[in-house]
């Protein structure tokens, strides 16, 4: 009997010591937080954030080489459309929580983008930049990993070597160039918009409890970008050669982006 009691006592003591020294995730903001863990073992995982990028042209889903009518009644078709988005973040009473290294080159042909991770929390807002932050904008594109959105290895990479900066918004196509707007859409238009001062930083009110993987749904209306621009008189802007038109397009960005 004494032997059995002695063994039970040792077993209980061992269990107590083991429990006290239990390793695990000690961060309450992690998905796999272990309230009983005493030492963090580096196993913490956090909610993953995915962006659903829904490209539009007005009320219609975006489609290349498909005729649409702009704000003034002019027919146009898109042949190229892409935009750099960066520095995604969530916001709550404790401040801003940035998603590390969150840069993407969004195009109508791709809808889902993995952004990274955020701590579990209740958030009040979500935001990002249309464009690239100043530091990254003037970095050497060859310095990024080959699979990075900003890398010169990216087949859709858009960077001005002569102006040292990324083309934040690249939109090209054809349009009806007649004064009466009754001709075919066959005259080219080209808009390449960049430079630090034309980056647009956006934030949307969005109350949600994030305690697992989440998908953020963003709608981007490429047709809205041209609101107020007369393509007949301003068929192109490489930003510096036609800054007024570039500024008009850039100022249309907040109205072109919607959090669904």
C-alpha atoms as a PDB file:
ATOM      1  CA  UNK A   1       0.000   0.000   0.000  1.00  0.00           C
ATOM      2  CA  UNK A   2       2.796   2.375   0.921  1.00  0.00           C
ATOM      3  CA  UNK A   3       4.533   1.593  -2.357  1.00  0.00           C
ATOM      4  CA  UNK A   4       1.389   2.408  -4.352  1.00  0.00           C
ATOM      5  CA  UNK A   5       0.873   5.661  -2.466  1.00  0.00           C
ATOM      6  CA  UNK A   6       4.503   6.606  -3.051  1.00  0.00           C
ATOM      7  CA  UNK A   7       4.161   5.986  -6.787  1.00  0.00           C
ATOM      8  CA  UNK A   8       0.953   8.017  -6.934  1.00  0.00           C
ATOM      9  CA  UNK A   9       2.636  10.867  -5.094  1.00  0.00           C
ATOM     10  CA  UNK A  10       5.538  10.897  -7.556  1.00  0.00           C
ATOM     11  CA  UNK A  11       3.137  10.788 -10.511  1.00  0.00           C
ATOM     12  CA  UNK A  12       1.106  13.702  -9.150  1.00  0.00           C
ATOM     13  CA  UNK A  13       4.232  15.721  -8.451  1.00  0.00           C
ATOM     14  CA  UNK A  14       5.572  15.039 -11.938  1.00  0.00           C
ATOM     15  CA  UNK A  15       2.259  16.097 -13.490  1.00  0.00           C
ATOM     16  CA  UNK A  16       2.267  19.298 -11.434  1.00  0.00           C
ATOM     17  CA  UNK A  17       5.826  20.160 -12.445  1.00  0.00           C
ATOM     18  CA  UNK A  18       5.090  19.360 -16.095  1.00  0.00           C
ATOM     19  CA  UNK A  19       1.944  21.502 -16.026  1.00  0.00           C
ATOM     20  CA  UNK A  20       3.810  24.407 -14.472  1.00  0.00           C
ATOM     21  CA  UNK A  21       6.474  24.231 -17.173  1.00  0.00           C
ATOM     22  CA  UNK A  22       4.080  23.726 -20.097  1.00  0.00           C
ATOM     23  CA  UNK A  23       5.222  25.324 -23.358  1.00  0.00           C
ATOM     24  CA  UNK A  24       2.821  26.801 -25.878  1.00  0.00           C
ATOM     25  CA  UNK A  25       1.511  30.036 -27.352  1.00  0.00           C
ATOM     26  CA  UNK A  26       1.313  32.733 -24.679  1.00  0.00           C
ATOM     27  CA  UNK A  27      -0.039  35.569 -26.843  1.00  0.00           C
ATOM     28  CA  UNK A  28      -3.766  36.206 -26.198  1.00  0.00           C
ATOM     29  CA  UNK A  29      -4.016  37.771 -29.674  1.00  0.00           C
ATOM     30  CA  UNK A  30      -3.104  34.482 -31.358  1.00  0.00           C
ATOM     31  CA  UNK A  31      -5.600  31.942 -32.666  1.00  0.00           C
ATOM     32  CA  UNK A  32      -3.930  29.125 -30.732  1.00  0.00           C
ATOM     33  CA  UNK A  33      -3.428  30.992 -27.432  1.00  0.00           C
ATOM     34  CA  UNK A  34      -2.908  28.557 -24.548  1.00  0.00           C
ATOM     35  CA  UNK A  35      -3.936  30.048 -21.200  1.00  0.00           C
ATOM     36  CA  UNK A  36      -2.098  27.262 -19.383  1.00  0.00           C
ATOM     37  CA  UNK A  37       1.224  27.781 -21.151  1.00  0.00           C
ATOM     38  CA  UNK A  38       4.001  29.348 -19.114  1.00  0.00           C
ATOM     39  CA  UNK A  39       6.721  29.565 -21.743  1.00  0.00           C
ATOM     40  CA  UNK A  40       6.172  30.660 -25.331  1.00  0.00           C
ATOM     41  CA  UNK A  41       7.469  28.073 -27.786  1.00  0.00           C
ATOM     42  CA  UNK A  42       7.116  30.182 -30.924  1.00  0.00           C
ATOM     43  CA  UNK A  43       4.062  28.306 -32.147  1.00  0.00           C
ATOM     44  CA  UNK A  44       1.631  31.253 -32.156  1.00  0.00           C
ATOM     45  CA  UNK A  45      -0.474  31.660 -35.282  1.00  0.00           C
ATOM     46  CA  UNK A  46      -2.607  34.661 -36.176  1.00  0.00           C
ATOM     47  CA  UNK A  47      -5.614  35.362 -38.402  1.00  0.00           C
ATOM     48  CA  UNK A  48      -4.684  35.450 -42.070  1.00  0.00           C
ATOM     49  CA  UNK A  49      -5.988  38.325 -44.198  1.00  0.00           C
ATOM     50  CA  UNK A  50      -6.984  37.876 -47.846  1.00  0.00           C
ATOM     51  CA  UNK A  51      -8.010  40.676 -50.206  1.00  0.00           C
ATOM     52  CA  UNK A  52     -10.810  40.041 -52.683  1.00  0.00           C
ATOM     53  CA  UNK A  53     -10.200  42.626 -55.426  1.00  0.00           C
ATOM     54  CA  UNK A  54     -13.374  43.097 -57.456  1.00  0.00           C
ATOM     55  CA  UNK A  55     -12.652  45.054 -60.645  1.00  0.00           C
ATOM     56  CA  UNK A  56     -15.506  47.091 -62.101  1.00  0.00           C
ATOM     57  CA  UNK A  57     -16.148  49.519 -64.944  1.00  0.00           C
ATOM     58  CA  UNK A  58     -19.155  51.435 -63.762  1.00  0.00           C
ATOM     59  CA  UNK A  59     -21.895  49.045 -62.695  1.00  0.00           C
ATOM     60  CA  UNK A  60     -20.520  46.227 -64.869  1.00  0.00           C
ATOM     61  CA  UNK A  61     -17.805  43.757 -63.991  1.00  0.00           C
ATOM     62  CA  UNK A  62     -14.525  44.677 -65.621  1.00  0.00           C
ATOM     63  CA  UNK A  63     -13.845  43.147 -69.024  1.00  0.00           C
ATOM     64  CA  UNK A  64     -11.027  43.941 -71.438  1.00  0.00           C
ATOM     65  CA  UNK A  65     -11.899  45.122 -74.953  1.00  0.00           C
ATOM     66  CA  UNK A  66     -15.514  45.666 -73.964  1.00  0.00           C
ATOM     67  CA  UNK A  67     -17.152  48.955 -74.872  1.00  0.00           C
ATOM     68  CA  UNK A  68     -18.395  51.174 -72.046  1.00  0.00           C
ATOM     69  CA  UNK A  69     -19.554  54.788 -71.936  1.00  0.00           C
ATOM     70  CA  UNK A  70     -17.811  57.279 -69.685  1.00  0.00           C
ATOM     71  CA  UNK A  71     -19.171  60.268 -67.751  1.00  0.00           C
ATOM     72  CA  UNK A  72     -19.497  62.501 -70.842  1.00  0.00           C
ATOM     73  CA  UNK A  73     -20.995  59.832 -73.100  1.00  0.00           C
ATOM     74  CA  UNK A  74     -17.753  58.897 -74.844  1.00  0.00           C
ATOM     75  CA  UNK A  75     -17.226  55.255 -75.798  1.00  0.00           C
ATOM     76  CA  UNK A  76     -14.064  53.590 -74.520  1.00  0.00           C
ATOM     77  CA  UNK A  77     -12.478  50.160 -74.077  1.00  0.00           C
ATOM     78  CA  UNK A  78      -9.762  49.057 -71.663  1.00  0.00           C
ATOM     79  CA  UNK A  79      -6.804  47.035 -72.918  1.00  0.00           C
ATOM     80  CA  UNK A  80      -4.547  47.378 -69.848  1.00  0.00           C
ATOM     81  CA  UNK A  81      -5.430  47.969 -66.207  1.00  0.00           C
ATOM     82  CA  UNK A  82      -3.362  47.488 -63.066  1.00  0.00           C
ATOM     83  CA  UNK A  83      -2.753  49.261 -59.766  1.00  0.00           C
ATOM     84  CA  UNK A  84      -0.258  48.986 -56.922  1.00  0.00           C
ATOM     85  CA  UNK A  85      -1.847  48.721 -53.470  1.00  0.00           C
ATOM     86  CA  UNK A  86       0.245  48.825 -50.310  1.00  0.00           C
ATOM     87  CA  UNK A  87       0.521  49.247 -46.538  1.00  0.00           C
ATOM     88  CA  UNK A  88      -2.703  47.517 -45.543  1.00  0.00           C
ATOM     89  CA  UNK A  89      -3.776  48.046 -41.948  1.00  0.00           C
ATOM     90  CA  UNK A  90      -6.570  47.666 -39.419  1.00  0.00           C
ATOM     91  CA  UNK A  91      -7.458  50.289 -36.828  1.00  0.00           C
ATOM     92  CA  UNK A  92      -9.043  50.278 -33.377  1.00  0.00           C
ATOM     93  CA  UNK A  93      -8.934  52.242 -30.110  1.00  0.00           C
ATOM     94  CA  UNK A  94      -5.391  51.045 -29.476  1.00  0.00           C
ATOM     95  CA  UNK A  95      -4.138  52.457 -32.759  1.00  0.00           C
ATOM     96  CA  UNK A  96      -3.078  51.152 -36.136  1.00  0.00           C
ATOM     97  CA  UNK A  97      -2.062  47.545 -36.779  1.00  0.00           C
ATOM     98  CA  UNK A  98      -0.108  47.296 -40.018  1.00  0.00           C
ATOM     99  CA  UNK A  99       0.217  44.143 -42.074  1.00  0.00           C
ATOM    100  CA  UNK A 100       3.938  43.716 -42.650  1.00  0.00           C
ATOM    101  CA  UNK A 101       5.290  43.926 -46.189  1.00  0.00           C
ATOM    102  CA  UNK A 102       1.823  44.197 -47.722  1.00  0.00           C
ATOM    103  CA  UNK A 103       2.355  45.204 -51.346  1.00  0.00           C
ATOM    104  CA  UNK A 104       0.332  43.849 -54.241  1.00  0.00           C
ATOM    105  CA  UNK A 105       0.006  44.585 -57.945  1.00  0.00           C
ATOM    106  CA  UNK A 106      -3.726  44.181 -58.494  1.00  0.00           C
ATOM    107  CA  UNK A 107      -5.179  43.381 -61.919  1.00  0.00           C
ATOM    108  CA  UNK A 108      -8.673  42.486 -63.132  1.00  0.00           C
ATOM    109  CA  UNK A 109      -7.524  38.981 -64.037  1.00  0.00           C
ATOM    110  CA  UNK A 110      -6.750  38.102 -60.409  1.00  0.00           C
ATOM    111  CA  UNK A 111      -9.230  38.505 -57.571  1.00  0.00           C
ATOM    112  CA  UNK A 112      -7.627  36.957 -54.460  1.00  0.00           C
ATOM    113  CA  UNK A 113      -4.445  38.235 -52.792  1.00  0.00           C
ATOM    114  CA  UNK A 114      -2.832  37.011 -49.584  1.00  0.00           C
ATOM    115  CA  UNK A 115      -1.911  40.046 -47.470  1.00  0.00           C
ATOM    116  CA  UNK A 116      -0.446  38.520 -44.303  1.00  0.00           C
ATOM    117  CA  UNK A 117      -1.531  38.248 -40.670  1.00  0.00           C
ATOM    118  CA  UNK A 118      -3.001  40.447 -37.918  1.00  0.00           C
ATOM    119  CA  UNK A 119      -3.570  39.852 -34.198  1.00  0.00           C
ATOM    120  CA  UNK A 120      -7.032  38.755 -33.097  1.00  0.00           C
ATOM    121  CA  UNK A 121      -8.977  41.819 -31.950  1.00  0.00           C
ATOM    122  CA  UNK A 122     -12.034  43.970 -32.514  1.00  0.00           C
ATOM    123  CA  UNK A 123     -11.259  46.496 -35.224  1.00  0.00           C
ATOM    124  CA  UNK A 124     -13.069  49.667 -36.262  1.00  0.00           C
ATOM    125  CA  UNK A 125     -11.430  50.386 -39.597  1.00  0.00           C
ATOM    126  CA  UNK A 126      -9.488  49.024 -42.554  1.00  0.00           C
ATOM    127  CA  UNK A 127      -7.245  50.894 -44.932  1.00  0.00           C
ATOM    128  CA  UNK A 128      -4.453  50.877 -47.485  1.00  0.00           C
ATOM    129  CA  UNK A 129      -2.680  53.062 -50.016  1.00  0.00           C
ATOM    130  CA  UNK A 130      -3.317  53.230 -53.728  1.00  0.00           C
ATOM    131  CA  UNK A 131       0.297  53.576 -54.726  1.00  0.00           C
ATOM    132  CA  UNK A 132       3.559  52.856 -52.942  1.00  0.00           C
ATOM    133  CA  UNK A 133       5.049  54.544 -49.873  1.00  0.00           C
ATOM    134  CA  UNK A 134       7.930  56.967 -50.417  1.00  0.00           C
ATOM    135  CA  UNK A 135      10.723  54.670 -49.203  1.00  0.00           C
ATOM    136  CA  UNK A 136       9.660  51.706 -51.338  1.00  0.00           C
ATOM    137  CA  UNK A 137       8.827  53.964 -54.267  1.00  0.00           C
ATOM    138  CA  UNK A 138      12.446  55.039 -54.612  1.00  0.00           C
ATOM    139  CA  UNK A 139      14.091  51.695 -53.853  1.00  0.00           C
ATOM    140  CA  UNK A 140      15.807  49.702 -56.582  1.00  0.00           C
ATOM    141  CA  UNK A 141      13.226  47.239 -58.003  1.00  0.00           C
ATOM    142  CA  UNK A 142      16.020  44.691 -58.392  1.00  0.00           C
ATOM    143  CA  UNK A 143      16.555  44.720 -54.605  1.00  0.00           C
ATOM    144  CA  UNK A 144      13.235  42.988 -53.894  1.00  0.00           C
ATOM    145  CA  UNK A 145      12.864  39.183 -53.783  1.00  0.00           C
ATOM    146  CA  UNK A 146      12.045  37.813 -57.223  1.00  0.00           C
ATOM    147  CA  UNK A 147       8.507  36.819 -56.180  1.00  0.00           C
ATOM    148  CA  UNK A 148       7.712  40.205 -54.597  1.00  0.00           C
ATOM    149  CA  UNK A 149       5.076  42.501 -56.122  1.00  0.00           C
ATOM    150  CA  UNK A 150       7.639  45.322 -56.405  1.00  0.00           C
ATOM    151  CA  UNK A 151      10.355  43.190 -57.954  1.00  0.00           C
ATOM    152  CA  UNK A 152      11.674  43.972 -61.409  1.00  0.00           C
ATOM    153  CA  UNK A 153      11.265  40.231 -61.988  1.00  0.00           C
ATOM    154  CA  UNK A 154       7.477  40.680 -61.946  1.00  0.00           C
ATOM    155  CA  UNK A 155       6.311  40.402 -65.588  1.00  0.00           C
ATOM    156  CA  UNK A 156       3.839  43.266 -65.024  1.00  0.00           C
ATOM    157  CA  UNK A 157       6.406  45.396 -63.193  1.00  0.00           C
ATOM    158  CA  UNK A 158       5.769  49.105 -63.831  1.00  0.00           C
ATOM    159  CA  UNK A 159       8.618  51.462 -62.879  1.00  0.00           C
ATOM    160  CA  UNK A 160       9.958  54.671 -64.386  1.00  0.00           C
ATOM    161  CA  UNK A 161      13.738  54.405 -64.579  1.00  0.00           C
ATOM    162  CA  UNK A 162      13.904  58.010 -65.758  1.00  0.00           C
ATOM    163  CA  UNK A 163      11.780  59.246 -62.851  1.00  0.00           C
ATOM    164  CA  UNK A 164      12.793  56.707 -60.180  1.00  0.00           C
ATOM    165  CA  UNK A 165       9.380  55.564 -59.059  1.00  0.00           C
ATOM    166  CA  UNK A 166       6.564  53.110 -59.625  1.00  0.00           C
ATOM    167  CA  UNK A 167       3.620  53.672 -61.943  1.00  0.00           C
ATOM    168  CA  UNK A 168       0.898  53.429 -59.312  1.00  0.00           C
ATOM    169  CA  UNK A 169      -1.968  53.227 -61.787  1.00  0.00           C
ATOM    170  CA  UNK A 170      -1.509  52.011 -65.344  1.00  0.00           C
ATOM    171  CA  UNK A 171      -4.568  52.184 -67.579  1.00  0.00           C
ATOM    172  CA  UNK A 172      -4.617  52.022 -71.367  1.00  0.00           C
ATOM    173  CA  UNK A 173      -7.208  51.508 -74.044  1.00  0.00           C
ATOM    174  CA  UNK A 174      -9.033  53.021 -76.990  1.00  0.00           C
ATOM    175  CA  UNK A 175     -11.804  55.592 -77.182  1.00  0.00           C
ATOM    176  CA  UNK A 176     -14.049  57.514 -79.545  1.00  0.00           C
ATOM    177  CA  UNK A 177     -12.115  60.699 -80.314  1.00  0.00           C
ATOM    178  CA  UNK A 178     -14.813  62.464 -82.355  1.00  0.00           C
ATOM    179  CA  UNK A 179     -16.210  65.768 -81.105  1.00  0.00           C
ATOM    180  CA  UNK A 180     -19.773  64.521 -81.551  1.00  0.00           C
ATOM    181  CA  UNK A 181     -18.919  61.249 -79.744  1.00  0.00           C
ATOM    182  CA  UNK A 182     -20.566  59.256 -82.512  1.00  0.00           C
ATOM    183  CA  UNK A 183     -17.550  57.415 -83.897  1.00  0.00           C
ATOM    184  CA  UNK A 184     -15.900  54.094 -83.125  1.00  0.00           C
ATOM    185  CA  UNK A 185     -13.671  53.548 -80.112  1.00  0.00           C
ATOM    186  CA  UNK A 186     -10.360  53.210 -81.935  1.00  0.00           C
ATOM    187  CA  UNK A 187      -8.138  56.099 -80.797  1.00  0.00           C
ATOM    188  CA  UNK A 188      -5.599  55.197 -78.087  1.00  0.00           C
ATOM    189  CA  UNK A 189      -5.511  56.624 -74.571  1.00  0.00           C
ATOM    190  CA  UNK A 190      -2.718  56.020 -72.054  1.00  0.00           C
ATOM    191  CA  UNK A 191      -2.613  57.011 -68.376  1.00  0.00           C
ATOM    192  CA  UNK A 192       0.453  56.149 -66.279  1.00  0.00           C
ATOM    193  CA  UNK A 193       0.097  57.780 -62.874  1.00  0.00           C
ATOM    194  CA  UNK A 194       2.778  57.941 -60.193  1.00  0.00           C
ATOM    195  CA  UNK A 195       4.994  60.174 -57.985  1.00  0.00           C
ATOM    196  CA  UNK A 196       4.814  60.410 -54.188  1.00  0.00           C
ATOM    197  CA  UNK A 197       2.296  63.242 -54.034  1.00  0.00           C
ATOM    198  CA  UNK A 198      -0.278  61.308 -56.099  1.00  0.00           C
ATOM    199  CA  UNK A 199      -0.413  58.311 -53.762  1.00  0.00           C
ATOM    200  CA  UNK A 200      -3.824  58.078 -52.098  1.00  0.00           C
ATOM    201  CA  UNK A 201      -4.114  56.800 -48.514  1.00  0.00           C
ATOM    202  CA  UNK A 202      -7.577  55.404 -47.811  1.00  0.00           C
ATOM    203  CA  UNK A 203      -9.334  54.281 -44.629  1.00  0.00           C
ATOM    204  CA  UNK A 204     -12.822  52.788 -44.308  1.00  0.00           C
ATOM    205  CA  UNK A 205     -14.986  52.385 -41.231  1.00  0.00           C
ATOM    206  CA  UNK A 206     -15.510  48.674 -40.707  1.00  0.00           C
ATOM    207  CA  UNK A 207     -16.432  47.229 -37.304  1.00  0.00           C
ATOM    208  CA  UNK A 208     -15.624  43.555 -36.994  1.00  0.00           C
ATOM    209  CA  UNK A 209     -14.292  40.992 -34.562  1.00  0.00           C
ATOM    210  CA  UNK A 210     -11.370  39.145 -36.123  1.00  0.00           C
ATOM    211  CA  UNK A 211     -10.584  35.865 -34.382  1.00  0.00           C
ATOM    212  CA  UNK A 212      -9.874  33.740 -37.455  1.00  0.00           C
ATOM    213  CA  UNK A 213      -8.962  34.088 -41.120  1.00  0.00           C
ATOM    214  CA  UNK A 214     -10.775  36.961 -42.811  1.00  0.00           C
ATOM    215  CA  UNK A 215     -11.379  38.139 -46.390  1.00  0.00           C
ATOM    216  CA  UNK A 216     -11.699  41.862 -47.096  1.00  0.00           C
ATOM    217  CA  UNK A 217     -13.777  42.702 -50.173  1.00  0.00           C
ATOM    218  CA  UNK A 218     -12.721  45.774 -52.133  1.00  0.00           C
ATOM    219  CA  UNK A 219     -14.362  47.059 -55.300  1.00  0.00           C
ATOM    220  CA  UNK A 220     -12.250  49.118 -57.719  1.00  0.00           C
ATOM    221  CA  UNK A 221     -14.032  51.005 -60.502  1.00  0.00           C
ATOM    222  CA  UNK A 222     -11.570  51.724 -63.316  1.00  0.00           C
ATOM    223  CA  UNK A 223     -14.162  53.738 -65.251  1.00  0.00           C
ATOM    224  CA  UNK A 224     -14.673  56.117 -62.306  1.00  0.00           C
ATOM    225  CA  UNK A 225     -11.001  57.081 -62.520  1.00  0.00           C
ATOM    226  CA  UNK A 226     -11.751  59.055 -65.687  1.00  0.00           C
ATOM    227  CA  UNK A 227     -14.625  61.103 -64.299  1.00  0.00           C
ATOM    228  CA  UNK A 228     -14.112  64.732 -65.342  1.00  0.00           C
ATOM    229  CA  UNK A 229     -11.382  63.918 -67.884  1.00  0.00           C
ATOM    230  CA  UNK A 230     -12.053  64.774 -71.540  1.00  0.00           C
ATOM    231  CA  UNK A 231     -10.177  62.005 -73.312  1.00  0.00           C
ATOM    232  CA  UNK A 232     -10.475  63.811 -76.641  1.00  0.00           C
ATOM    233  CA  UNK A 233      -8.347  66.712 -75.394  1.00  0.00           C
ATOM    234  CA  UNK A 234      -6.341  64.728 -72.814  1.00  0.00           C
ATOM    235  CA  UNK A 235      -5.780  61.285 -74.325  1.00  0.00           C
ATOM    236  CA  UNK A 236      -2.606  60.635 -72.376  1.00  0.00           C
ATOM    237  CA  UNK A 237      -0.740  61.414 -69.192  1.00  0.00           C
ATOM    238  CA  UNK A 238       2.576  60.025 -68.078  1.00  0.00           C
ATOM    239  CA  UNK A 239       2.056  62.235 -65.020  1.00  0.00           C
ATOM    240  CA  UNK A 240       4.819  64.797 -65.524  1.00  0.00           C
ATOM    241  CA  UNK A 241       3.868  65.577 -69.132  1.00  0.00           C
ATOM    242  CA  UNK A 242       0.234  66.251 -68.161  1.00  0.00           C
ATOM    243  CA  UNK A 243       0.046  66.837 -64.422  1.00  0.00           C
ATOM    244  CA  UNK A 244      -3.478  68.378 -64.407  1.00  0.00           C
ATOM    245  CA  UNK A 245      -4.986  65.234 -65.959  1.00  0.00           C
ATOM    246  CA  UNK A 246      -2.885  63.025 -63.680  1.00  0.00           C
ATOM    247  CA  UNK A 247      -4.131  64.923 -60.628  1.00  0.00           C
ATOM    248  CA  UNK A 248      -7.735  64.632 -61.782  1.00  0.00           C
ATOM    249  CA  UNK A 249      -7.418  60.873 -62.133  1.00  0.00           C
ATOM    250  CA  UNK A 250      -5.630  60.570 -58.788  1.00  0.00           C
ATOM    251  CA  UNK A 251      -8.287  62.656 -57.046  1.00  0.00           C
ATOM    252  CA  UNK A 252     -10.945  60.284 -58.410  1.00  0.00           C
ATOM    253  CA  UNK A 253      -9.387  57.320 -56.579  1.00  0.00           C
ATOM    254  CA  UNK A 254     -11.369  57.724 -53.314  1.00  0.00           C
ATOM    255  CA  UNK A 255     -14.620  57.583 -55.297  1.00  0.00           C
ATOM    256  CA  UNK A 256     -13.408  54.607 -57.335  1.00  0.00           C
ATOM    257  CA  UNK A 257     -12.674  52.405 -54.311  1.00  0.00           C
ATOM    258  CA  UNK A 258     -15.394  50.848 -52.161  1.00  0.00           C
ATOM    259  CA  UNK A 259     -15.193  48.447 -49.236  1.00  0.00           C
ATOM    260  CA  UNK A 260     -17.932  45.909 -49.921  1.00  0.00           C
END
